[in-house]
């Protein structure tokens, strides 16, 4: 565990957050539909269907926009050298490099014989997962666009009707978020493991064995092995999303993204 990660977890355990623990770095005055961060500390924002990449100090590095693919539904920057963009309307996936340049031709999900792709995320060894809304299952494709694993019908496996809104793979697990039922966890082969009763989320972040997610006033740490939960108050109210990366707090509200650094 890094020193900085230990610091923020220490704050959680102590239940103490003070505005003085963090120094404001920059406010980016843009209304984003989604934000995320990569493991290098870069910030990514979707603003008016444009992808923007900032460094950890809030300096704009690159932008990417291509209206020919339709509306940009989601991005996955778990591999900052191969960024995944999912365009739901036209059922296309585009991969970008770290300079936000297109790496290859757009992937047409229709060619994979999936008619209702709802969510897409990156997977290990240049693969990717698709949640197929028609069959209520996760399907993994390898780098050669061949099916490698399927979860089977998740509603039948769990006994619940799911309406997921977020998908991610981290550290050998796949996380499918359903706001009404919680976070459904699978192993890297698509085998169902368990459902965590954390509800009403739109996205979250995995750090080691911890799930970090935000409410409108706090950042919550939930350890899915010990089931311990701690809450840390944040210096901004009415939060849409908050993330922690490389000694930075990134806090999204309706009009801006605020960046704070640890002292």
C-alpha atoms as a PDB file:
ATOM      1  CA  UNK A   1       0.000   0.000   0.000  1.00  0.00           C
ATOM      2  CA  UNK A   2       1.403   3.417  -0.936  1.00  0.00           C
ATOM      3  CA  UNK A   3       2.092   6.080   1.662  1.00  0.00           C
ATOM      4  CA  UNK A   4      -0.529   8.403   0.215  1.00  0.00           C
ATOM      5  CA  UNK A   5      -3.155   5.662   0.049  1.00  0.00           C
ATOM      6  CA  UNK A   6      -2.377   4.790   3.663  1.00  0.00           C
ATOM      7  CA  UNK A   7      -2.923   8.450   4.531  1.00  0.00           C
ATOM      8  CA  UNK A   8      -6.403   8.651   3.080  1.00  0.00           C
ATOM      9  CA  UNK A   9      -7.405   5.318   4.605  1.00  0.00           C
ATOM     10  CA  UNK A  10      -6.066   6.597   7.929  1.00  0.00           C
ATOM     11  CA  UNK A  11      -8.377   9.586   7.597  1.00  0.00           C
ATOM     12  CA  UNK A  12     -11.284   7.247   6.960  1.00  0.00           C
ATOM     13  CA  UNK A  13     -10.486   5.060   9.961  1.00  0.00           C
ATOM     14  CA  UNK A  14     -10.145   8.078  12.240  1.00  0.00           C
ATOM     15  CA  UNK A  15     -13.327   9.529  10.789  1.00  0.00           C
ATOM     16  CA  UNK A  16     -11.622  12.905  10.571  1.00  0.00           C
ATOM     17  CA  UNK A  17     -11.493  15.187   7.573  1.00  0.00           C
ATOM     18  CA  UNK A  18     -10.684  18.852   7.771  1.00  0.00           C
ATOM     19  CA  UNK A  19     -10.555  21.284   4.915  1.00  0.00           C
ATOM     20  CA  UNK A  20      -7.038  22.084   6.105  1.00  0.00           C
ATOM     21  CA  UNK A  21      -5.956  18.515   5.270  1.00  0.00           C
ATOM     22  CA  UNK A  22      -6.273  19.386   1.575  1.00  0.00           C
ATOM     23  CA  UNK A  23      -5.243  22.408  -0.416  1.00  0.00           C
ATOM     24  CA  UNK A  24      -7.352  23.625  -3.363  1.00  0.00           C
ATOM     25  CA  UNK A  25      -5.407  23.207  -6.593  1.00  0.00           C
ATOM     26  CA  UNK A  26      -7.797  24.261  -9.323  1.00  0.00           C
ATOM     27  CA  UNK A  27     -11.441  24.577 -10.263  1.00  0.00           C
ATOM     28  CA  UNK A  28     -12.361  23.540 -13.808  1.00  0.00           C
ATOM     29  CA  UNK A  29     -15.531  25.451 -14.609  1.00  0.00           C
ATOM     30  CA  UNK A  30     -17.251  22.990 -16.900  1.00  0.00           C
ATOM     31  CA  UNK A  31     -20.420  20.978 -16.462  1.00  0.00           C
ATOM     32  CA  UNK A  32     -19.363  17.359 -17.073  1.00  0.00           C
ATOM     33  CA  UNK A  33     -21.674  14.432 -17.618  1.00  0.00           C
ATOM     34  CA  UNK A  34     -18.996  12.046 -16.278  1.00  0.00           C
ATOM     35  CA  UNK A  35     -15.532  12.149 -14.740  1.00  0.00           C
ATOM     36  CA  UNK A  36     -12.929   9.489 -14.035  1.00  0.00           C
ATOM     37  CA  UNK A  37      -9.184   9.233 -13.325  1.00  0.00           C
ATOM     38  CA  UNK A  38      -6.389   6.904 -14.400  1.00  0.00           C
ATOM     39  CA  UNK A  39      -3.654   5.350 -12.284  1.00  0.00           C
ATOM     40  CA  UNK A  40      -1.248   8.127 -13.299  1.00  0.00           C
ATOM     41  CA  UNK A  41      -3.429  10.800 -11.721  1.00  0.00           C
ATOM     42  CA  UNK A  42      -4.864  12.200 -14.952  1.00  0.00           C
ATOM     43  CA  UNK A  43      -8.440  13.450 -14.963  1.00  0.00           C
ATOM     44  CA  UNK A  44     -10.906  12.731 -17.769  1.00  0.00           C
ATOM     45  CA  UNK A  45     -14.180  14.561 -18.319  1.00  0.00           C
ATOM     46  CA  UNK A  46     -17.008  14.154 -20.808  1.00  0.00           C
ATOM     47  CA  UNK A  47     -18.310  17.636 -21.657  1.00  0.00           C
ATOM     48  CA  UNK A  48     -20.888  18.074 -24.420  1.00  0.00           C
ATOM     49  CA  UNK A  49     -19.866  14.758 -25.997  1.00  0.00           C
ATOM     50  CA  UNK A  50     -16.203  15.779 -25.974  1.00  0.00           C
ATOM     51  CA  UNK A  51     -13.577  13.830 -24.027  1.00  0.00           C
ATOM     52  CA  UNK A  52     -11.103  16.060 -22.188  1.00  0.00           C
ATOM     53  CA  UNK A  53      -7.894  14.936 -20.510  1.00  0.00           C
ATOM     54  CA  UNK A  54      -6.270  16.987 -17.740  1.00  0.00           C
ATOM     55  CA  UNK A  55      -3.166  16.439 -15.650  1.00  0.00           C
ATOM     56  CA  UNK A  56      -3.357  16.233 -11.852  1.00  0.00           C
ATOM     57  CA  UNK A  57      -2.995  20.025 -11.590  1.00  0.00           C
ATOM     58  CA  UNK A  58      -6.009  20.623 -13.811  1.00  0.00           C
ATOM     59  CA  UNK A  59      -4.090  21.619 -16.936  1.00  0.00           C
ATOM     60  CA  UNK A  60      -5.853  20.627 -20.151  1.00  0.00           C
ATOM     61  CA  UNK A  61      -3.686  18.175 -22.097  1.00  0.00           C
ATOM     62  CA  UNK A  62      -5.799  16.810 -24.946  1.00  0.00           C
ATOM     63  CA  UNK A  63      -9.341  16.639 -26.272  1.00  0.00           C
ATOM     64  CA  UNK A  64     -11.173  14.179 -28.487  1.00  0.00           C
ATOM     65  CA  UNK A  65     -14.512  14.503 -30.238  1.00  0.00           C
ATOM     66  CA  UNK A  66     -16.024  12.589 -33.132  1.00  0.00           C
ATOM     67  CA  UNK A  67     -19.739  13.174 -33.682  1.00  0.00           C
ATOM     68  CA  UNK A  68     -19.856  10.511 -36.399  1.00  0.00           C
ATOM     69  CA  UNK A  69     -20.050   7.844 -33.700  1.00  0.00           C
ATOM     70  CA  UNK A  70     -23.063   9.390 -31.970  1.00  0.00           C
ATOM     71  CA  UNK A  71     -23.328  10.132 -28.268  1.00  0.00           C
ATOM     72  CA  UNK A  72     -20.410   9.117 -26.025  1.00  0.00           C
ATOM     73  CA  UNK A  73     -21.984   6.905 -23.365  1.00  0.00           C
ATOM     74  CA  UNK A  74     -18.972   5.886 -21.252  1.00  0.00           C
ATOM     75  CA  UNK A  75     -15.189   5.727 -21.053  1.00  0.00           C
ATOM     76  CA  UNK A  76     -12.785   3.281 -19.396  1.00  0.00           C
ATOM     77  CA  UNK A  77      -9.274   4.529 -18.616  1.00  0.00           C
ATOM     78  CA  UNK A  78      -8.109   1.575 -16.517  1.00  0.00           C
ATOM     79  CA  UNK A  79      -5.385   1.213 -19.170  1.00  0.00           C
ATOM     80  CA  UNK A  80      -4.305   4.814 -19.904  1.00  0.00           C
ATOM     81  CA  UNK A  81      -2.460   3.602 -23.019  1.00  0.00           C
ATOM     82  CA  UNK A  82      -5.619   2.044 -24.441  1.00  0.00           C
ATOM     83  CA  UNK A  83      -8.662   4.093 -23.513  1.00  0.00           C
ATOM     84  CA  UNK A  84     -12.043   2.553 -24.308  1.00  0.00           C
ATOM     85  CA  UNK A  85     -14.899   4.745 -25.534  1.00  0.00           C
ATOM     86  CA  UNK A  86     -18.392   3.287 -25.867  1.00  0.00           C
ATOM     87  CA  UNK A  87     -20.957   4.894 -28.154  1.00  0.00           C
ATOM     88  CA  UNK A  88     -24.278   3.311 -27.238  1.00  0.00           C
ATOM     89  CA  UNK A  89     -26.501   4.804 -29.962  1.00  0.00           C
ATOM     90  CA  UNK A  90     -24.471   3.359 -32.839  1.00  0.00           C
ATOM     91  CA  UNK A  91     -23.205   0.354 -30.799  1.00  0.00           C
ATOM     92  CA  UNK A  92     -19.560   1.157 -31.428  1.00  0.00           C
ATOM     93  CA  UNK A  93     -16.338   0.968 -29.408  1.00  0.00           C
ATOM     94  CA  UNK A  94     -13.359   3.212 -30.140  1.00  0.00           C
ATOM     95  CA  UNK A  95      -9.890   2.793 -28.614  1.00  0.00           C
ATOM     96  CA  UNK A  96      -7.586   5.785 -28.047  1.00  0.00           C
ATOM     97  CA  UNK A  97      -3.942   6.007 -27.064  1.00  0.00           C
ATOM     98  CA  UNK A  98      -2.632   8.221 -24.265  1.00  0.00           C
ATOM     99  CA  UNK A  99      -2.607  11.210 -26.631  1.00  0.00           C
ATOM    100  CA  UNK A 100      -6.327  10.683 -27.354  1.00  0.00           C
ATOM    101  CA  UNK A 101      -5.585   9.599 -30.902  1.00  0.00           C
ATOM    102  CA  UNK A 102      -7.600   6.755 -32.442  1.00  0.00           C
ATOM    103  CA  UNK A 103      -5.660   3.484 -32.349  1.00  0.00           C
ATOM    104  CA  UNK A 104      -7.674   1.584 -34.969  1.00  0.00           C
ATOM    105  CA  UNK A 105     -11.017   1.459 -36.746  1.00  0.00           C
ATOM    106  CA  UNK A 106     -14.159   1.589 -34.646  1.00  0.00           C
ATOM    107  CA  UNK A 107     -15.358  -1.795 -33.398  1.00  0.00           C
ATOM    108  CA  UNK A 108     -18.927  -2.510 -34.494  1.00  0.00           C
ATOM    109  CA  UNK A 109     -20.632  -4.504 -31.770  1.00  0.00           C
ATOM    110  CA  UNK A 110     -23.259  -5.690 -34.259  1.00  0.00           C
ATOM    111  CA  UNK A 111     -20.466  -7.708 -35.878  1.00  0.00           C
ATOM    112  CA  UNK A 112     -20.129  -9.609 -32.590  1.00  0.00           C
ATOM    113  CA  UNK A 113     -23.800 -10.666 -32.860  1.00  0.00           C
ATOM    114  CA  UNK A 114     -24.839  -8.768 -29.742  1.00  0.00           C
ATOM    115  CA  UNK A 115     -27.993  -6.808 -30.468  1.00  0.00           C
ATOM    116  CA  UNK A 116     -28.495  -4.966 -27.180  1.00  0.00           C
ATOM    117  CA  UNK A 117     -25.123  -3.960 -25.713  1.00  0.00           C
ATOM    118  CA  UNK A 118     -25.774  -1.755 -22.699  1.00  0.00           C
ATOM    119  CA  UNK A 119     -22.353  -1.488 -21.014  1.00  0.00           C
ATOM    120  CA  UNK A 120     -18.754  -2.082 -22.090  1.00  0.00           C
ATOM    121  CA  UNK A 121     -15.494  -2.079 -20.138  1.00  0.00           C
ATOM    122  CA  UNK A 122     -11.861  -3.049 -20.636  1.00  0.00           C
ATOM    123  CA  UNK A 123     -10.483  -6.416 -19.523  1.00  0.00           C
ATOM    124  CA  UNK A 124      -7.055  -7.956 -19.021  1.00  0.00           C
ATOM    125  CA  UNK A 125      -4.813  -8.904 -21.974  1.00  0.00           C
ATOM    126  CA  UNK A 126      -6.520  -6.385 -24.283  1.00  0.00           C
ATOM    127  CA  UNK A 127      -9.929  -7.993 -23.934  1.00  0.00           C
ATOM    128  CA  UNK A 128     -13.227  -6.356 -23.040  1.00  0.00           C
ATOM    129  CA  UNK A 129     -16.557  -7.160 -21.421  1.00  0.00           C
ATOM    130  CA  UNK A 130     -20.009  -6.381 -22.782  1.00  0.00           C
ATOM    131  CA  UNK A 131     -23.219  -6.522 -20.791  1.00  0.00           C
ATOM    132  CA  UNK A 132     -25.852  -7.906 -23.181  1.00  0.00           C
ATOM    133  CA  UNK A 133     -29.230  -6.537 -22.165  1.00  0.00           C
ATOM    134  CA  UNK A 134     -31.063  -9.019 -24.371  1.00  0.00           C
ATOM    135  CA  UNK A 135     -29.759 -12.121 -22.566  1.00  0.00           C
ATOM    136  CA  UNK A 136     -28.969 -10.434 -19.208  1.00  0.00           C
ATOM    137  CA  UNK A 137     -25.388 -11.645 -19.250  1.00  0.00           C
ATOM    138  CA  UNK A 138     -21.769 -10.562 -19.356  1.00  0.00           C
ATOM    139  CA  UNK A 139     -19.701 -11.692 -22.323  1.00  0.00           C
ATOM    140  CA  UNK A 140     -15.927 -11.360 -22.530  1.00  0.00           C
ATOM    141  CA  UNK A 141     -14.112 -11.028 -25.847  1.00  0.00           C
ATOM    142  CA  UNK A 142     -10.370 -11.484 -26.203  1.00  0.00           C
ATOM    143  CA  UNK A 143      -8.030  -9.342 -28.291  1.00  0.00           C
ATOM    144  CA  UNK A 144      -8.944 -11.393 -31.371  1.00  0.00           C
ATOM    145  CA  UNK A 145     -12.655 -10.597 -30.871  1.00  0.00           C
ATOM    146  CA  UNK A 146     -13.401 -14.178 -29.878  1.00  0.00           C
ATOM    147  CA  UNK A 147     -15.754 -15.013 -27.018  1.00  0.00           C
ATOM    148  CA  UNK A 148     -13.765 -16.278 -24.067  1.00  0.00           C
ATOM    149  CA  UNK A 149     -16.233 -16.284 -21.139  1.00  0.00           C
ATOM    150  CA  UNK A 150     -19.927 -15.792 -20.439  1.00  0.00           C
ATOM    151  CA  UNK A 151     -21.632 -15.258 -17.102  1.00  0.00           C
ATOM    152  CA  UNK A 152     -24.956 -16.816 -18.025  1.00  0.00           C
ATOM    153  CA  UNK A 153     -28.267 -15.123 -17.266  1.00  0.00           C
ATOM    154  CA  UNK A 154     -27.502 -12.927 -14.251  1.00  0.00           C
ATOM    155  CA  UNK A 155     -31.138 -12.488 -13.256  1.00  0.00           C
ATOM    156  CA  UNK A 156     -31.451 -16.263 -12.983  1.00  0.00           C
ATOM    157  CA  UNK A 157     -28.143 -16.550 -11.094  1.00  0.00           C
ATOM    158  CA  UNK A 158     -29.041 -13.884  -8.547  1.00  0.00           C
ATOM    159  CA  UNK A 159     -32.802 -14.189  -8.433  1.00  0.00           C
ATOM    160  CA  UNK A 160     -33.235 -10.468  -9.055  1.00  0.00           C
ATOM    161  CA  UNK A 161     -34.237  -8.382 -12.043  1.00  0.00           C
ATOM    162  CA  UNK A 162     -31.278  -6.171 -12.825  1.00  0.00           C
ATOM    163  CA  UNK A 163     -30.975  -2.823 -14.560  1.00  0.00           C
ATOM    164  CA  UNK A 164     -27.237  -2.077 -14.448  1.00  0.00           C
ATOM    165  CA  UNK A 165     -25.662   1.300 -15.167  1.00  0.00           C
ATOM    166  CA  UNK A 166     -21.910   0.784 -14.648  1.00  0.00           C
ATOM    167  CA  UNK A 167     -19.358  -1.940 -15.444  1.00  0.00           C
ATOM    168  CA  UNK A 168     -15.675  -2.241 -14.531  1.00  0.00           C
ATOM    169  CA  UNK A 169     -12.937  -4.854 -14.195  1.00  0.00           C
ATOM    170  CA  UNK A 170     -10.239  -4.354 -11.569  1.00  0.00           C
ATOM    171  CA  UNK A 171      -7.687  -6.680  -9.961  1.00  0.00           C
ATOM    172  CA  UNK A 172      -9.192  -9.878 -11.358  1.00  0.00           C
ATOM    173  CA  UNK A 173     -12.829  -9.101 -10.548  1.00  0.00           C
ATOM    174  CA  UNK A 174     -15.670  -7.736 -12.629  1.00  0.00           C
ATOM    175  CA  UNK A 175     -18.098  -5.289 -11.004  1.00  0.00           C
ATOM    176  CA  UNK A 176     -21.600  -4.732 -12.391  1.00  0.00           C
ATOM    177  CA  UNK A 177     -23.511  -1.969 -10.656  1.00  0.00           C
ATOM    178  CA  UNK A 178     -27.285  -2.093 -10.328  1.00  0.00           C
ATOM    179  CA  UNK A 179     -28.610   0.956  -8.440  1.00  0.00           C
ATOM    180  CA  UNK A 180     -31.647  -0.878  -7.074  1.00  0.00           C
ATOM    181  CA  UNK A 181     -29.864  -4.028  -5.884  1.00  0.00           C
ATOM    182  CA  UNK A 182     -26.178  -3.259  -5.334  1.00  0.00           C
ATOM    183  CA  UNK A 183     -22.807  -4.152  -6.822  1.00  0.00           C
ATOM    184  CA  UNK A 184     -22.726  -7.607  -8.408  1.00  0.00           C
ATOM    185  CA  UNK A 185     -19.230  -9.141  -8.383  1.00  0.00           C
ATOM    186  CA  UNK A 186     -17.851 -11.805 -10.742  1.00  0.00           C
ATOM    187  CA  UNK A 187     -14.403 -13.323 -11.091  1.00  0.00           C
ATOM    188  CA  UNK A 188     -12.333 -12.822 -14.243  1.00  0.00           C
ATOM    189  CA  UNK A 189     -14.030 -15.833 -15.849  1.00  0.00           C
ATOM    190  CA  UNK A 190     -17.501 -14.337 -15.419  1.00  0.00           C
ATOM    191  CA  UNK A 191     -18.455 -16.617 -12.516  1.00  0.00           C
ATOM    192  CA  UNK A 192     -20.857 -14.962 -10.096  1.00  0.00           C
ATOM    193  CA  UNK A 193     -19.358 -14.406  -6.635  1.00  0.00           C
ATOM    194  CA  UNK A 194     -21.638 -12.164  -4.554  1.00  0.00           C
ATOM    195  CA  UNK A 195     -23.740  -9.023  -4.425  1.00  0.00           C
ATOM    196  CA  UNK A 196     -22.780  -6.133  -2.169  1.00  0.00           C
ATOM    197  CA  UNK A 197     -25.816  -4.236  -0.798  1.00  0.00           C
ATOM    198  CA  UNK A 198     -24.499  -0.799  -1.748  1.00  0.00           C
ATOM    199  CA  UNK A 199     -27.316   0.885  -3.611  1.00  0.00           C
ATOM    200  CA  UNK A 200     -28.180   4.043  -5.549  1.00  0.00           C
ATOM    201  CA  UNK A 201     -24.743   4.449  -7.123  1.00  0.00           C
ATOM    202  CA  UNK A 202     -23.907   5.663 -10.621  1.00  0.00           C
ATOM    203  CA  UNK A 203     -20.206   4.761 -10.433  1.00  0.00           C
ATOM    204  CA  UNK A 204     -17.456   3.896  -7.951  1.00  0.00           C
ATOM    205  CA  UNK A 205     -13.716   3.300  -7.623  1.00  0.00           C
ATOM    206  CA  UNK A 206     -11.750   0.227  -6.496  1.00  0.00           C
ATOM    207  CA  UNK A 207      -8.565   0.677  -4.466  1.00  0.00           C
ATOM    208  CA  UNK A 208      -7.091  -2.577  -3.164  1.00  0.00           C
ATOM    209  CA  UNK A 209      -9.948  -4.293  -1.256  1.00  0.00           C
ATOM    210  CA  UNK A 210     -11.927  -1.081  -0.920  1.00  0.00           C
ATOM    211  CA  UNK A 211     -14.806   0.396  -2.867  1.00  0.00           C
ATOM    212  CA  UNK A 212     -14.805   4.189  -2.818  1.00  0.00           C
ATOM    213  CA  UNK A 213     -17.999   6.002  -3.706  1.00  0.00           C
ATOM    214  CA  UNK A 214     -19.546   9.376  -3.001  1.00  0.00           C
ATOM    215  CA  UNK A 215     -22.785  10.682  -1.578  1.00  0.00           C
ATOM    216  CA  UNK A 216     -23.802  14.321  -1.985  1.00  0.00           C
ATOM    217  CA  UNK A 217     -21.564  15.340   0.940  1.00  0.00           C
ATOM    218  CA  UNK A 218     -19.119  12.501   1.654  1.00  0.00           C
ATOM    219  CA  UNK A 219     -16.671   9.963   0.299  1.00  0.00           C
ATOM    220  CA  UNK A 220     -17.338   6.451   1.578  1.00  0.00           C
ATOM    221  CA  UNK A 221     -14.832   3.619   1.899  1.00  0.00           C
ATOM    222  CA  UNK A 222     -16.299   0.108   2.007  1.00  0.00           C
ATOM    223  CA  UNK A 223     -13.983  -2.872   2.508  1.00  0.00           C
ATOM    224  CA  UNK A 224     -15.625  -5.815   0.744  1.00  0.00           C
ATOM    225  CA  UNK A 225     -13.535  -8.357   2.641  1.00  0.00           C
ATOM    226  CA  UNK A 226     -14.004  -7.083   6.197  1.00  0.00           C
ATOM    227  CA  UNK A 227     -17.346  -5.310   5.443  1.00  0.00           C
ATOM    228  CA  UNK A 228     -16.123  -2.281   7.371  1.00  0.00           C
ATOM    229  CA  UNK A 229     -17.324   1.129   6.210  1.00  0.00           C
ATOM    230  CA  UNK A 230     -16.035   4.603   6.996  1.00  0.00           C
ATOM    231  CA  UNK A 231     -17.255   8.007   5.861  1.00  0.00           C
ATOM    232  CA  UNK A 232     -15.194  11.107   5.148  1.00  0.00           C
ATOM    233  CA  UNK A 233     -16.861  14.512   4.858  1.00  0.00           C
ATOM    234  CA  UNK A 234     -15.793  16.568   1.869  1.00  0.00           C
ATOM    235  CA  UNK A 235     -15.328  20.334   1.525  1.00  0.00           C
ATOM    236  CA  UNK A 236     -17.943  20.567  -1.231  1.00  0.00           C
ATOM    237  CA  UNK A 237     -21.676  19.966  -0.918  1.00  0.00           C
ATOM    238  CA  UNK A 238     -24.132  18.626  -3.489  1.00  0.00           C
ATOM    239  CA  UNK A 239     -21.512  16.312  -4.967  1.00  0.00           C
ATOM    240  CA  UNK A 240     -22.179  14.342  -8.142  1.00  0.00           C
ATOM    241  CA  UNK A 241     -18.986  12.287  -8.016  1.00  0.00           C
ATOM    242  CA  UNK A 242     -15.680  12.213  -6.144  1.00  0.00           C
ATOM    243  CA  UNK A 243     -12.485  10.265  -6.757  1.00  0.00           C
ATOM    244  CA  UNK A 244      -9.098   9.858  -5.091  1.00  0.00           C
ATOM    245  CA  UNK A 245      -5.945   9.313  -7.148  1.00  0.00           C
ATOM    246  CA  UNK A 246      -2.239   9.878  -6.532  1.00  0.00           C
ATOM    247  CA  UNK A 247      -2.674  12.299  -3.629  1.00  0.00           C
ATOM    248  CA  UNK A 248      -5.470  14.239  -5.292  1.00  0.00           C
ATOM    249  CA  UNK A 249      -9.178  14.566  -4.590  1.00  0.00           C
ATOM    250  CA  UNK A 250     -11.348  15.237  -7.651  1.00  0.00           C
ATOM    251  CA  UNK A 251     -14.825  16.484  -6.768  1.00  0.00           C
ATOM    252  CA  UNK A 252     -17.539  16.961  -9.371  1.00  0.00           C
ATOM    253  CA  UNK A 253     -20.557  19.171  -8.804  1.00  0.00           C
ATOM    254  CA  UNK A 254     -23.150  20.421 -11.263  1.00  0.00           C
ATOM    255  CA  UNK A 255     -21.005  23.258 -12.615  1.00  0.00           C
ATOM    256  CA  UNK A 256     -17.380  22.301 -12.110  1.00  0.00           C
ATOM    257  CA  UNK A 257     -14.696  19.838 -11.084  1.00  0.00           C
ATOM    258  CA  UNK A 258     -12.563  20.877  -8.122  1.00  0.00           C
ATOM    259  CA  UNK A 259      -9.097  19.423  -7.520  1.00  0.00           C
ATOM    260  CA  UNK A 260      -7.491  19.262  -4.059  1.00  0.00           C
ATOM    261  CA  UNK A 261      -4.005  18.107  -3.061  1.00  0.00           C
ATOM    262  CA  UNK A 262      -2.878  16.479   0.163  1.00  0.00           C
ATOM    263  CA  UNK A 263      -0.696  18.600   2.402  1.00  0.00           C
END
